[in-house]
Protein backbone atom coordinates (compact mmCIF):
# COMPACT_ATOMS: atom_id res chain seq x y z
CA MET A 1 13.37 -5.38 -6.34
CA GLY A 2 12.06 -2.02 -7.58
CA LEU A 3 8.42 -2.23 -6.51
CA PHE A 4 7.54 1.34 -7.43
CA LYS A 5 7.57 2.73 -10.97
CA LYS A 6 6.62 6.12 -12.41
CA GLY A 7 2.95 6.34 -13.36
CA GLN A 8 1.78 3.41 -11.23
CA ARG A 9 -1.49 3.22 -9.34
CA VAL A 10 -0.84 2.03 -5.78
CA LEU A 11 -3.22 1.01 -2.99
CA ASP A 12 -1.74 1.38 0.50
CA LEU A 13 -3.62 -0.55 3.20
CA GLY A 14 -2.91 0.48 6.77
CA ALA A 15 -1.64 3.84 5.53
CA SER A 16 -1.59 6.00 8.67
CA PRO A 17 0.48 7.85 9.75
CA GLY A 18 1.22 8.26 6.02
CA SER A 19 4.96 7.74 5.58
CA TRP A 20 4.55 4.78 3.17
CA THR A 21 1.89 6.68 1.21
CA LEU A 22 4.22 9.67 0.91
CA TYR A 23 7.14 7.43 -0.11
CA ALA A 24 4.99 5.67 -2.74
CA ALA A 25 3.72 9.04 -4.07
CA GLU A 26 7.30 10.26 -4.52
CA ARG A 27 8.22 7.07 -6.40
CA VAL A 28 5.21 6.99 -8.75
CA GLY A 29 5.55 10.71 -9.46
CA PRO A 30 2.89 13.18 -10.58
CA THR A 31 1.62 10.82 -13.31
CA GLY A 32 0.93 8.09 -10.75
CA GLN A 33 -1.69 7.80 -8.05
CA VAL A 34 -1.59 6.48 -4.49
CA LEU A 35 -4.68 5.74 -2.43
CA GLY A 36 -4.21 4.92 1.22
CA ILE A 37 -6.84 3.61 3.60
CA ASP A 38 -6.61 3.35 7.37
CA LEU A 39 -8.76 3.44 10.49
CA ASN A 40 -6.87 6.56 11.57
CA ASP A 41 -6.50 9.94 9.93
CA PRO A 42 -3.17 10.66 8.17
CA GLU A 43 -0.52 12.67 9.97
CA VAL A 44 1.43 13.95 6.96
CA ALA A 45 0.77 16.39 4.14
CA LEU A 46 0.48 14.56 0.83
CA PRO A 47 1.13 15.66 -2.76
CA PRO A 48 -1.79 15.93 -5.23
CA GLN A 49 -1.32 12.38 -6.56
CA ALA A 50 -1.93 10.84 -3.11
CA GLU A 51 -4.78 10.68 -0.62
CA ILE A 52 -5.61 8.71 2.50
CA ARG A 53 -9.23 7.85 3.26
CA THR A 54 -10.34 6.96 6.77
CA LEU A 55 -11.91 3.54 6.16
CA ASP A 56 -11.97 0.05 7.68
CA ALA A 57 -10.32 -2.54 5.42
CA PHE A 58 -12.87 -5.10 6.61
CA GLU A 59 -15.82 -2.91 5.61
CA VAL A 60 -14.60 -1.05 2.51
CA ASP A 61 -16.37 -1.66 -0.79
CA PRO A 62 -13.58 -2.49 -3.30
CA GLY A 63 -15.68 -0.87 -6.03
CA THR A 64 -15.24 2.54 -4.37
CA LEU A 65 -11.42 2.38 -4.48
CA GLY A 66 -11.10 3.22 -8.16
CA GLY A 67 -8.94 0.28 -9.22
CA PRO A 68 -7.37 -1.45 -10.92
CA PHE A 69 -4.03 -0.98 -9.18
CA ASP A 70 -0.52 -2.00 -10.26
CA LEU A 71 0.65 -2.55 -6.70
CA VAL A 72 -1.06 -3.18 -3.36
CA ILE A 73 0.96 -2.72 -0.19
CA SER A 74 -0.30 -3.62 3.27
CA ASP A 75 1.42 -2.37 6.38
CA MET A 76 -1.62 -3.23 8.46
CA ALA A 77 -0.76 -4.50 11.91
CA PRO A 78 -2.91 -5.40 14.90
CA LYS A 79 -2.81 -3.40 18.09
CA THR A 80 -0.44 -5.66 19.96
CA SER A 81 -1.67 -7.23 23.16
CA GLY A 82 1.61 -8.67 24.40
CA GLN A 83 0.23 -12.15 23.77
CA ARG A 84 2.51 -13.21 20.94
CA HIS A 85 0.33 -15.98 19.48
CA ALA A 86 -2.82 -13.83 19.55
CA ASP A 87 -0.96 -10.95 17.89
CA GLN A 88 0.44 -13.30 15.23
CA PHE A 89 -3.03 -14.66 14.48
CA ARG A 90 -4.52 -11.16 14.19
CA SER A 91 -1.67 -10.22 11.86
CA TYR A 92 -2.50 -13.28 9.73
CA GLU A 93 -6.17 -12.20 9.58
CA LEU A 94 -5.12 -8.73 8.35
CA VAL A 95 -2.91 -10.25 5.63
CA MET A 96 -5.73 -12.51 4.49
CA ARG A 97 -8.12 -9.51 4.28
CA ALA A 98 -5.49 -7.54 2.37
CA LEU A 99 -5.11 -10.47 -0.05
CA GLU A 100 -8.89 -10.71 -0.46
CA LEU A 101 -9.07 -7.01 -1.39
CA THR A 102 -6.03 -7.34 -3.63
CA LYS A 103 -7.66 -10.09 -5.67
CA MET A 104 -10.53 -7.67 -6.41
CA VAL A 105 -8.50 -4.59 -7.37
CA LEU A 106 -5.07 -5.67 -8.68
CA LYS A 107 -4.21 -5.75 -12.38
CA PRO A 108 -3.05 -9.07 -13.85
CA GLY A 109 0.72 -9.27 -13.44
CA GLY A 110 0.59 -6.86 -10.49
CA THR A 111 2.42 -7.04 -7.17
CA PHE A 112 1.26 -7.47 -3.56
CA VAL A 113 3.35 -6.74 -0.45
CA ALA A 114 2.07 -7.45 3.06
CA LYS A 115 3.60 -7.19 6.52
CA ILE A 116 2.99 -10.25 8.70
CA PHE A 117 4.09 -11.39 12.13
CA GLN A 118 5.59 -14.85 11.69
CA GLY A 119 3.58 -17.43 13.60
CA ALA A 120 1.69 -20.70 13.26
CA GLU A 121 -0.37 -19.38 10.29
CA PHE A 122 2.60 -17.97 8.37
CA ASP A 123 2.79 -20.92 5.95
CA ASP A 124 -0.98 -20.67 5.34
CA ALA A 125 -0.61 -17.01 4.39
CA ARG A 126 2.37 -17.70 2.12
CA ASN A 127 0.50 -20.57 0.43
CA ALA A 128 -2.61 -18.41 -0.11
CA ILE A 129 -0.45 -15.79 -1.82
CA ARG A 130 1.32 -18.49 -3.84
CA GLU A 131 -2.06 -19.61 -5.24
CA ALA A 132 -2.69 -16.16 -6.74
CA PHE A 133 0.83 -15.13 -7.77
CA GLY A 134 3.56 -16.54 -9.98
CA LYS A 135 6.25 -16.05 -7.35
CA VAL A 136 6.36 -15.38 -3.60
CA ARG A 137 9.28 -13.87 -1.72
CA ILE A 138 9.87 -13.33 1.98
CA ILE A 139 11.68 -10.13 2.90
CA ARG A 140 13.05 -9.20 6.31
CA PRO A 141 13.86 -5.49 6.19
CA LYS A 142 17.37 -4.58 7.31
CA ALA A 143 15.90 -2.16 9.83
CA THR A 144 14.04 -5.01 11.57
CA ARG A 145 15.47 -6.05 14.93
CA ASP A 146 16.86 -9.60 15.04
CA GLU A 147 14.32 -10.66 17.68
CA SER A 148 11.38 -9.27 15.67
CA TYR A 149 9.01 -11.71 14.01
CA GLU A 150 7.85 -9.13 11.44
CA VAL A 151 8.53 -9.89 7.76
CA PHE A 152 6.99 -8.98 4.43
CA LEU A 153 5.44 -11.44 2.01
CA VAL A 154 5.72 -10.33 -1.61
CA GLY A 155 3.55 -11.77 -4.36
CA LEU A 156 4.85 -11.12 -7.88
CA GLY A 157 2.93 -11.71 -11.13
CA PHE A 158 -0.75 -11.69 -10.06
CA ARG A 159 -2.85 -14.36 -11.76
CA PRO A 160 -6.55 -13.56 -11.36
CA ALA A 161 -8.81 -16.56 -10.82
CA THR A 162 -10.76 -17.53 -13.90
CA SER A 163 -14.48 -17.90 -13.40
C-alpha cells in the first residue's frame, strides 16, 4: 500500500515505546517529520526528524501539534483487562478519539491508520471512518496470531467536512 513517502509529515498516536515512530522516521527521511504522542516516555533514540511528546490523546490540544499532517497512525491500545468485550469497547473509544484528532490535523487527501480490537462496535468505527474518507480498508497484519482480534482500519483520501 505504501503508506510512507519521503518528505511526509506523520502523526503517531500511541507512540511508545517508539518502534513505529522510528520506522516512520526512516521512511519519511530527513526531509520529513514524525511527531509521536503517548502517555509513556519513549524507549528508543530517535533521529532529528522525529520526536515523541508525553501527552494524553484525550487532553491534547490539536493546535499544539503543528499540523497539517499527511498521515496519522494510531497504535493506541487499552490496557487489557482480560474482559474481551470491555477491552474491545475501550479500543473502539481510542479509535474514535484518534479519528476525532485526525479530522482536525490531517491534510485533504491524507491517510489514517488505526489499530482496533474487533468487537460489537467495529462496524460503527469503520462507518465513522468511511464518512470522512474516500475508501476504507481492513488489514490484518501477517504477524497477527490467528486467534487475535486485532486489525487495522485504513482510511484513504481524507475529505474534510465542509462547514
